[in-house]
Protein backbone atom coordinates (compact mmCIF):
# COMPACT_ATOMS: atom_id res chain seq x y z
CA MET A 1 22.28 -56.75 127.63
CA LYS A 2 22.66 -53.67 129.99
CA PHE A 3 26.13 -53.13 128.55
CA THR A 4 25.13 -53.33 124.84
CA GLY A 5 22.19 -50.74 125.98
CA LEU A 6 24.64 -48.29 127.04
CA LEU A 7 26.96 -48.42 124.00
CA VAL A 8 23.51 -47.61 121.90
CA LEU A 9 23.03 -44.61 124.32
CA LEU A 10 26.21 -42.95 123.80
CA ALA A 11 26.37 -43.93 119.96
CA VAL A 12 23.21 -41.74 119.74
CA ILE A 13 24.26 -39.14 121.95
CA PHE A 14 27.63 -38.98 119.68
CA ALA A 15 25.52 -38.67 116.45
CA ALA A 16 23.49 -35.76 117.52
CA ILE A 17 26.70 -34.21 118.70
CA MET A 18 28.45 -34.45 115.53
CA TRP A 19 25.10 -33.30 113.53
CA HIS A 20 24.74 -30.43 115.67
CA ARG A 21 28.63 -29.35 114.83
CA LYS A 22 27.95 -29.83 111.61
CA ALA A 23 24.83 -27.92 110.96
CA ALA A 24 25.83 -24.82 113.01
CA PRO A 25 28.39 -23.82 110.71
CA ALA A 26 26.15 -24.39 108.05
CA ARG A 27 23.41 -22.04 109.52
CA MET A 28 26.28 -19.46 110.28
CA ASP A 29 27.64 -19.80 106.48
CA ALA A 30 23.86 -19.42 105.40
CA LYS A 31 23.55 -16.20 107.63
CA GLN A 32 26.89 -14.86 106.35
CA GLY A 33 25.72 -15.33 102.89
CA LYS A 34 22.79 -12.98 103.39
CA THR A 35 24.83 -10.50 105.24
CA LEU A 36 27.35 -10.78 102.04
CA ALA A 37 24.43 -10.59 99.53
CA GLN A 38 23.05 -7.66 101.47
CA GLY A 39 26.39 -5.76 101.46
CA SER A 40 26.68 -6.34 97.73
CA THR A 41 23.37 -5.03 96.94
CA ALA A 42 24.58 -2.10 99.03
CA ALA A 43 27.35 -1.71 96.96
CA SER A 44 25.49 -2.12 93.67
CA LYS A 45 23.12 0.60 94.83
CA ALA A 46 26.06 2.74 95.69
CA LEU A 47 28.02 1.93 92.17
CA ALA A 48 24.79 2.38 90.59
CA GLY A 49 23.04 5.66 88.76
CA ARG A 50 22.95 7.37 85.11
CA PRO A 51 25.96 8.14 83.56
CA ALA A 52 27.35 11.54 84.83
CA THR A 53 27.78 14.21 82.34
CA PRO A 54 30.16 17.55 82.48
CA ALA A 55 27.72 19.34 83.75
CA ASP A 56 27.58 16.89 87.09
CA LEU A 57 31.07 18.03 87.47
CA ASP A 58 30.48 21.47 87.11
CA ALA A 59 27.99 21.07 89.70
CA PHE A 60 29.85 18.97 91.91
CA LEU A 61 33.01 21.49 91.87
CA LEU A 62 30.94 24.55 92.15
CA PRO A 63 31.52 24.93 95.89
CA TYR A 64 34.67 24.28 95.16
CA LYS A 65 35.55 26.46 92.22
CA SER A 66 37.49 29.68 94.11
CA LYS A 67 40.03 27.45 95.95
CA LEU A 68 40.52 25.13 92.28
CA ASP A 69 40.99 28.29 90.41
CA SER A 70 43.52 29.71 93.51
CA THR A 71 45.85 26.53 92.27
CA LEU A 72 46.20 27.85 88.67
CA ARG A 73 49.64 28.02 87.31
CA ALA A 74 51.56 28.07 84.60
CA ALA A 75 53.30 25.25 82.97
CA VAL A 76 55.03 24.06 79.64
CA GLN A 77 53.92 21.05 77.57
CA ILE A 78 56.58 19.09 75.73
CA SER A 79 55.97 17.38 72.70
CA PHE A 80 58.82 15.42 70.81
CA ALA A 81 60.49 15.45 67.11
CA LYS A 82 62.78 12.62 66.07
CA MET A 83 65.76 14.25 65.23
CA ALA A 84 67.75 12.92 61.98
CA ILE A 85 70.83 15.14 62.72
CA ASP A 86 72.18 15.47 66.35
CA ASN A 87 72.61 18.90 68.30
CA PRO A 88 74.34 18.76 71.48
CA THR A 89 73.11 22.20 72.29
CA THR A 90 69.61 22.01 71.91
CA SER A 91 66.43 20.82 74.41
CA LYS A 92 66.57 17.24 73.54
CA LEU A 93 65.62 13.87 74.80
CA GLY A 94 68.78 11.44 74.53
CA GLY A 95 71.75 12.08 72.30
CA SER A 96 75.16 13.52 72.36
CA ALA A 97 75.54 16.28 75.36
CA TYR A 98 77.51 19.43 75.60
CA TRP A 99 79.85 19.39 78.06
CA PRO A 100 82.63 22.31 79.19
CA LYS A 101 85.75 21.01 77.73
CA HIS A 102 87.71 21.60 80.64
CA LYS A 103 84.98 20.24 83.42
CA ALA A 104 85.24 16.27 84.75
CA GLU A 105 82.27 14.25 82.77
CA PRO A 106 79.33 13.08 84.87
CA VAL A 107 79.70 10.20 86.56
CA ASP A 108 77.87 8.34 89.50
CA GLN A 109 79.16 7.60 93.16
CA ASP A 110 81.11 4.65 91.55
CA GLY A 111 82.68 6.76 88.74
CA GLN A 112 80.81 4.85 86.06
CA PRO A 113 79.93 7.19 83.23
CA LEU A 114 76.19 8.05 83.27
CA PHE A 115 73.65 8.30 80.51
CA LEU A 116 72.00 11.97 79.11
CA LEU A 117 68.37 11.66 79.74
CA MET A 118 67.34 14.87 78.64
CA GLN A 119 68.92 18.79 78.42
CA LEU A 120 67.00 22.06 78.03
CA ARG A 121 68.27 25.19 76.15
CA LEU A 122 66.36 27.73 78.31
CA ASP A 123 66.36 30.60 76.16
CA GLN A 124 64.13 28.11 73.87
CA VAL A 125 61.44 27.28 76.55
CA PRO A 126 58.83 29.86 76.93
CA GLU A 127 59.13 31.83 80.08
CA LEU A 128 57.93 30.36 83.22
CA PRO A 129 57.60 31.97 86.72
CA ASP A 130 61.24 31.32 88.62
CA PHE A 131 62.83 29.40 85.97
CA PRO A 132 66.18 30.47 84.68
CA ARG A 133 66.24 32.23 80.78
CA THR A 134 69.63 31.30 80.11
CA GLY A 135 71.78 28.31 79.56
CA LEU A 136 71.40 24.43 79.59
CA LEU A 137 69.88 22.29 82.05
CA GLN A 138 70.93 18.58 81.88
CA ILE A 139 69.86 15.71 83.56
CA PHE A 140 71.86 12.33 83.53
CA ILE A 141 70.80 8.99 84.88
CA GLN A 142 72.68 5.76 85.27
CA GLN A 143 71.41 2.45 84.04
CA THR A 144 70.80 0.86 87.11
CA GLU A 145 67.41 -1.59 88.20
CA PHE A 146 65.53 1.99 89.16
CA TYR A 147 67.16 4.06 86.34
CA GLY A 148 69.29 6.05 88.54
CA ALA A 149 66.88 6.65 91.19
CA ASN A 150 67.74 6.44 94.80
CA PHE A 151 65.27 3.95 95.67
CA GLY A 152 67.09 2.85 99.18
CA LYS A 153 65.32 1.92 102.55
CA ASN A 154 64.09 5.47 102.72
CA LEU A 155 61.79 6.86 100.23
CA ASP A 156 61.53 10.76 101.90
CA ILE A 157 61.62 13.61 99.32
CA ASN A 158 65.15 14.15 100.99
CA SER A 159 66.47 10.81 100.27
CA LEU A 160 65.20 11.10 96.73
CA ALA A 161 67.07 14.25 96.13
CA GLU A 162 70.64 12.25 96.49
CA GLN A 163 72.35 12.49 93.37
CA ARG A 164 74.32 8.98 93.75
CA TYR A 165 73.23 7.42 90.72
CA PHE A 166 71.73 11.05 88.59
CA LYS A 167 72.68 14.40 88.03
CA VAL A 168 70.94 17.72 87.44
CA VAL A 169 73.44 20.17 86.11
CA HIS A 170 72.83 23.75 85.33
CA TRP A 171 75.13 25.43 83.04
CA ALA A 172 74.35 29.34 83.21
CA GLU A 173 76.12 30.00 79.88
CA LEU A 174 77.41 28.02 77.22
CA ASP A 175 81.12 27.80 76.73
CA ASP A 176 81.97 28.31 73.17
CA GLU A 177 85.04 25.92 73.97
CA PHE A 178 83.21 22.76 74.83
CA LYS A 179 83.32 18.84 73.97
CA VAL A 180 80.77 16.46 72.86
CA LEU A 181 79.66 13.55 75.25
CA PRO A 182 79.05 10.90 72.59
CA ALA A 183 75.53 9.33 72.79
CA ARG A 184 75.91 5.64 73.93
CA ARG A 185 73.31 2.84 73.66
CA SER A 186 71.48 0.57 76.31
CA GLU A 187 68.43 -1.43 76.63
CA ARG A 188 68.49 -0.76 80.49
CA LEU A 189 66.98 2.76 80.40
CA PRO A 190 63.45 3.76 80.07
CA HIS A 191 64.52 5.61 76.74
CA GLN A 192 66.79 5.00 74.00
CA PRO A 193 69.69 7.38 74.77
CA ALA A 194 71.34 6.93 71.28
CA GLN A 195 68.15 8.26 69.64
CA PRO A 196 67.45 12.22 69.99
CA TYR A 197 64.43 13.91 69.82
CA GLN A 198 63.71 17.30 69.65
CA MET A 199 61.70 19.11 72.05
CA GLN A 200 59.04 21.49 71.19
CA PHE A 201 56.97 23.40 73.59
CA THR A 202 53.79 25.15 74.09
CA LYS A 203 52.60 27.46 76.91
CA GLN A 204 49.65 26.09 79.13
CA SER A 205 47.62 26.58 82.18
CA GLU A 206 46.60 23.87 84.73
CA HIS A 207 45.00 23.37 88.42
CA ILE A 208 46.35 21.04 90.88
CA SER A 209 46.20 17.11 89.55
CA ILE A 210 44.15 14.84 91.09
CA GLY A 211 47.48 12.99 92.28
CA ASP A 212 48.96 16.06 94.23
CA PHE A 213 48.96 15.43 97.87
CA ARG A 214 47.28 18.72 98.24
CA ILE A 215 44.08 18.10 96.71
CA ASP A 216 42.05 17.40 99.48
CA GLU A 217 42.30 20.63 100.88
CA ILE A 218 40.48 21.76 98.00
CA PHE A 219 37.39 19.92 99.40
CA ASP A 220 37.44 21.90 102.57
CA GLY A 221 40.23 18.90 104.01
CA ARG A 222 37.88 16.01 103.16
CA SER A 223 38.54 13.54 101.22
CA TYR A 224 37.76 14.20 97.62
CA ILE A 225 37.06 10.41 97.30
CA ASP A 226 34.21 11.26 100.28
CA SER A 227 32.84 13.98 98.85
CA LEU A 228 32.48 12.58 95.16
CA GLU A 229 30.71 9.73 96.30
CA GLU A 230 28.31 12.00 98.56
CA TYR A 231 27.22 13.98 95.85
CA ALA A 232 26.74 10.89 93.56
CA HIS A 233 24.64 9.09 96.20
CA GLN A 234 22.46 12.40 96.64
CA HIS A 235 22.02 13.07 92.63
CA GLY A 236 21.87 9.28 91.38
CA VAL A 237 24.74 9.64 89.43
CA SER A 238 26.78 6.61 88.88
CA GLU A 239 30.39 6.98 91.05
CA ASP A 240 32.44 5.50 88.71
CA SER A 241 31.55 7.72 85.37
CA LEU A 242 31.98 10.79 88.19
CA THR A 243 35.19 10.01 88.64
CA ASP A 244 36.38 9.32 85.54
CA LEU A 245 34.98 12.75 84.66
CA LEU A 246 37.36 14.44 87.67
CA GLY A 247 40.08 12.51 86.68
CA ASP A 248 40.19 13.18 83.28
CA ALA A 249 39.79 17.29 84.23
CA LEU A 250 42.58 17.31 86.87
CA ASP A 251 44.56 14.15 85.29
CA GLY A 252 48.12 15.55 85.37
CA SER A 253 49.58 13.27 83.06
CA GLY A 254 52.18 14.13 80.03
CA HIS A 255 55.40 15.56 79.48
CA LYS A 256 55.79 18.90 80.89
CA LEU A 257 57.76 21.77 82.97
CA GLY A 258 56.21 23.36 85.66
CA GLY A 259 52.44 22.69 86.61
CA TYR A 260 51.23 19.71 88.89
CA PRO A 261 52.26 16.06 88.55
CA TYR A 262 50.56 13.12 87.78
CA PHE A 263 51.23 9.55 89.58
CA THR A 264 50.45 6.15 88.63
CA GLN A 265 50.60 5.39 92.44
CA GLU A 266 50.78 8.26 94.96
CA ASP A 267 53.12 11.47 95.26
CA PRO A 268 56.42 11.02 97.55
CA ARG A 269 55.91 14.50 98.72
CA SER A 270 53.76 14.76 102.35
CA ALA A 271 54.57 18.16 102.98
CA GLU A 272 55.22 21.50 101.25
CA GLY A 273 58.71 22.36 100.19
CA MET A 274 58.91 20.79 96.85
CA GLU A 275 57.22 21.50 93.59
CA LEU A 276 57.33 20.01 90.19
CA LEU A 277 60.37 20.87 87.98
CA LEU A 278 59.86 18.49 85.07
CA GLN A 279 57.83 15.28 84.20
CA LEU A 280 58.58 12.81 81.92
CA ASP A 281 55.69 10.16 80.92
CA SER A 282 55.56 7.13 78.99
CA ASP A 283 55.16 7.11 75.70
CA ASP A 284 55.31 4.69 72.61
CA SER A 285 55.89 7.71 70.04
CA VAL A 286 59.82 8.43 71.29
CA ASN A 287 60.42 4.67 72.83
CA MET A 288 60.23 5.87 76.62
CA MET A 289 58.82 3.49 78.95
CA TRP A 290 59.29 3.89 82.66
CA GLY A 291 58.51 0.51 84.14
CA ASP A 292 55.21 -1.01 83.06
CA VAL A 293 53.91 2.29 81.69
CA GLY A 294 55.04 4.51 84.26
CA VAL A 295 55.98 8.12 84.76
CA ALA A 296 58.85 10.02 86.01
CA ASN A 297 58.64 13.24 88.49
CA PHE A 298 61.74 15.91 89.24
CA PHE A 299 61.10 18.09 92.01
CA ILE A 300 62.65 20.94 93.26
CA ALA A 301 62.51 23.59 95.93
CA PRO A 302 61.00 27.13 94.78
CA GLU A 303 63.93 29.02 96.58
CA ASP A 304 66.57 26.75 94.79
CA LEU A 305 64.89 27.08 91.24
CA LYS A 306 64.59 30.91 91.91
CA ARG A 307 68.45 30.98 92.36
CA GLY A 308 69.25 28.38 90.00
CA ASP A 309 70.38 25.75 92.26
CA PHE A 310 69.75 22.42 90.95
CA SER A 311 71.78 20.58 93.80
CA ARG A 312 68.59 19.21 95.76
CA VAL A 313 66.65 18.19 92.71
CA ALA A 314 64.32 15.04 93.97
CA TYR A 315 63.91 12.38 91.48
CA SER A 316 61.30 9.82 91.42
CA TRP A 317 59.17 7.75 88.97
CA ASP A 318 56.27 5.13 89.70
CA CYS A 319 54.56 2.66 87.37
CA HIS A 320 51.47 0.25 87.31
């Protein structure tokens, strides 16, 4: 009987311990749930507020207007028109390419022929500071997994300028005796290299873009996101709507020469030294698609641009 009583007592103690272990997490979960709920409410309040208006954006940017205006620079917007008849000496996307008669044809580091991405007849382009005014600027790329971009182990700007599977060429003068590199088809490139599209140009000016690595300098070195968040909270404005307005104002997307770049991910530059030479965006109207609706950027050092030296152009693209 004594032994049986002892077993009963032990069973009661064991049951009590198990109940306590089960109850403790339940109480903890309830407490955490309350904390999460409070955090969710705080987050909702942070995002709540009336929709921002253009006047709100102006008011937000007013303290930084002089710094923002100091970034204003010229750029040339590029649009395209389908060409029924190709022309190897004009400004265009894809198609056949001009090439000096006695020069070796452009190949990658493995000796494989490259495809013409685009060429610029510089005397057709509106004048831009430091851009050459004569000759032809051409960019060739290879049909690799990364469209010829040098996405190796290192993605720093110097590595991106190693022209292994792409080439940037500038002919200061066009030779009357030239050959035509015929257009070739490919389904592994961001554009349709066999179909040329004539380039058309419009000069414009633009402020620094929201994706440029220097954007926080405008906001006194503070993250523009933190500055925007603080303003939204103080003025009862929705952060999301104010962010959208700022993004539209400093967008930077599209096809262009010069100006400031657009990115779907982030700026590959981390220090001064390279500026935007050319940007080509995804565009259904010309069957151009950089990965998943991405964008391609070509950067050059200003001193190289002044000299007409295109041997160190950095090529990068990113996508969603």
